[in-house]
Protein backbone atom coordinates (compact mmCIF):
# COMPACT_ATOMS: atom_id res chain seq x y z
CA UNK A 1 0.00 0.00 0.00
CA UNK A 2 2.82 2.39 0.86
CA UNK A 3 4.45 1.75 -2.51
CA UNK A 4 1.19 2.43 -4.36
CA UNK A 5 0.62 5.67 -2.44
CA UNK A 6 4.19 6.73 -3.15
CA UNK A 7 3.78 6.00 -6.90
CA UNK A 8 0.71 8.26 -7.02
CA UNK A 9 2.03 10.94 -4.65
CA UNK A 10 2.31 13.58 -7.38
CA UNK A 11 -1.26 12.88 -8.57
CA UNK A 12 -2.65 13.21 -5.04
CA UNK A 13 -0.68 16.36 -4.44
CA UNK A 14 -1.82 18.04 -7.66
CA UNK A 15 -5.47 17.00 -7.25
CA UNK A 16 -5.93 17.37 -3.50
CA UNK A 17 -2.97 19.43 -2.33
CA UNK A 18 -1.81 16.68 0.00
CA UNK A 19 -0.18 13.29 -0.19
CA UNK A 20 -1.87 10.61 1.94
CA UNK A 21 0.11 8.74 4.57
CA UNK A 22 -0.88 6.30 7.28
CA UNK A 23 0.19 4.79 10.57
CA UNK A 24 -1.03 1.31 11.48
CA UNK A 25 -0.87 -1.05 14.43
CA UNK A 26 -1.55 -4.77 14.10
CA UNK A 27 -2.47 -7.28 16.78
CA UNK A 28 -4.83 -10.21 16.98
CA UNK A 29 -7.29 -11.81 19.34
CA UNK A 30 -10.96 -12.35 19.97
CA UNK A 31 -13.37 -9.59 19.01
CA UNK A 32 -17.05 -9.53 19.90
CA UNK A 33 -19.36 -8.13 17.27
CA UNK A 34 -22.94 -7.05 17.69
CA UNK A 35 -25.70 -5.02 16.16
CA UNK A 36 -27.37 -2.25 18.12
CA UNK A 37 -30.23 0.13 17.47
CA UNK A 38 -33.78 -0.21 16.20
CA UNK A 39 -34.21 2.60 13.72
CA UNK A 40 -30.59 3.17 12.86
CA UNK A 41 -28.74 -0.09 13.18
CA UNK A 42 -25.00 -0.10 13.77
CA UNK A 43 -22.50 -2.89 13.94
CA UNK A 44 -20.19 -2.64 16.94
CA UNK A 45 -16.90 -4.32 17.71
CA UNK A 46 -15.55 -4.72 21.21
CA UNK A 47 -12.79 -6.57 22.97
CA UNK A 48 -9.41 -6.12 24.58
CA UNK A 49 -7.70 -6.68 21.24
CA UNK A 50 -9.13 -3.39 19.91
CA UNK A 51 -7.77 -1.42 22.86
CA UNK A 52 -4.39 -3.12 22.59
CA UNK A 53 -4.22 -2.46 18.85
CA UNK A 54 -5.03 1.21 19.41
CA UNK A 55 -2.26 1.45 22.02
CA UNK A 56 0.19 -0.18 19.60
CA UNK A 57 -0.77 2.20 16.78
CA UNK A 58 -0.37 5.12 19.19
CA UNK A 59 3.33 4.29 19.49
CA UNK A 60 4.01 4.74 15.76
CA UNK A 61 4.91 8.43 16.06
CA UNK A 62 7.11 8.14 19.18
CA UNK A 63 8.94 5.20 17.56
CA UNK A 64 9.13 7.02 14.20
CA UNK A 65 7.61 4.15 12.19
CA UNK A 66 4.50 3.79 10.02
CA UNK A 67 3.76 0.19 10.95
CA UNK A 68 3.87 -1.69 14.25
CA UNK A 69 3.11 -5.37 14.79
CA UNK A 70 2.65 -7.05 18.17
CA UNK A 71 5.04 -9.84 19.06
CA UNK A 72 2.07 -12.22 19.38
CA UNK A 73 0.99 -11.54 15.82
CA UNK A 74 4.54 -11.51 14.46
CA UNK A 75 5.16 -15.02 15.84
CA UNK A 76 2.08 -16.37 14.08
CA UNK A 77 2.86 -14.86 10.66
CA UNK A 78 4.78 -16.47 7.85
CA UNK A 79 6.06 -13.59 5.76
CA UNK A 80 7.74 -13.57 2.39
CA UNK A 81 11.52 -12.92 2.49
CA UNK A 82 11.01 -9.45 0.97
CA UNK A 83 9.55 -8.28 4.29
CA UNK A 84 12.31 -7.38 6.73
CA UNK A 85 11.02 -7.65 10.30
CA UNK A 86 12.82 -5.61 12.94
CA UNK A 87 12.24 -5.81 16.69
CA UNK A 88 11.92 -2.45 18.39
CA UNK A 89 12.02 -3.93 21.88
CA UNK A 90 9.45 -4.33 24.62
CA UNK A 91 7.08 -1.51 25.53
CA UNK A 92 4.59 -0.87 28.27
CA UNK A 93 1.06 -0.47 26.98
CA UNK A 94 -1.46 1.32 29.15
CA UNK A 95 -3.80 -1.15 30.81
CA UNK A 96 -1.49 -4.13 30.23
CA UNK A 97 0.33 -5.94 33.01
CA UNK A 98 3.23 -7.16 30.88
CA UNK A 99 5.35 -5.29 28.38
CA UNK A 100 4.80 -6.24 24.76
CA UNK A 101 7.49 -6.71 22.15
CA UNK A 102 6.81 -4.66 19.03
CA UNK A 103 8.10 -5.13 15.52
CA UNK A 104 8.12 -3.08 12.34
CA UNK A 105 8.64 -3.96 8.69
CA UNK A 106 11.50 -2.08 7.05
CA UNK A 107 11.43 -1.01 3.40
């Protein structure tokens, strides 16, 4: 996705005056889904994994990376050799008892 955005950066800049970027955190676990409302129905998602993922994503700027992956998720992935995984160490996440190792993928 980053490569595609970079390829079209000039087009975005000339058409919208800005080039899109993103920061993302990845984690996994159980999520509960539900539907609420009578007149205006909404689908909701809840679970500790959502909070943890938000905390991970919130560390992108302080760690100066666009992409962070939890150690739990990283261990369960089988990535192609083109993806260079780099550990950034263990970090304390608010609301978590144990520090979590975080990884990023280098270009």
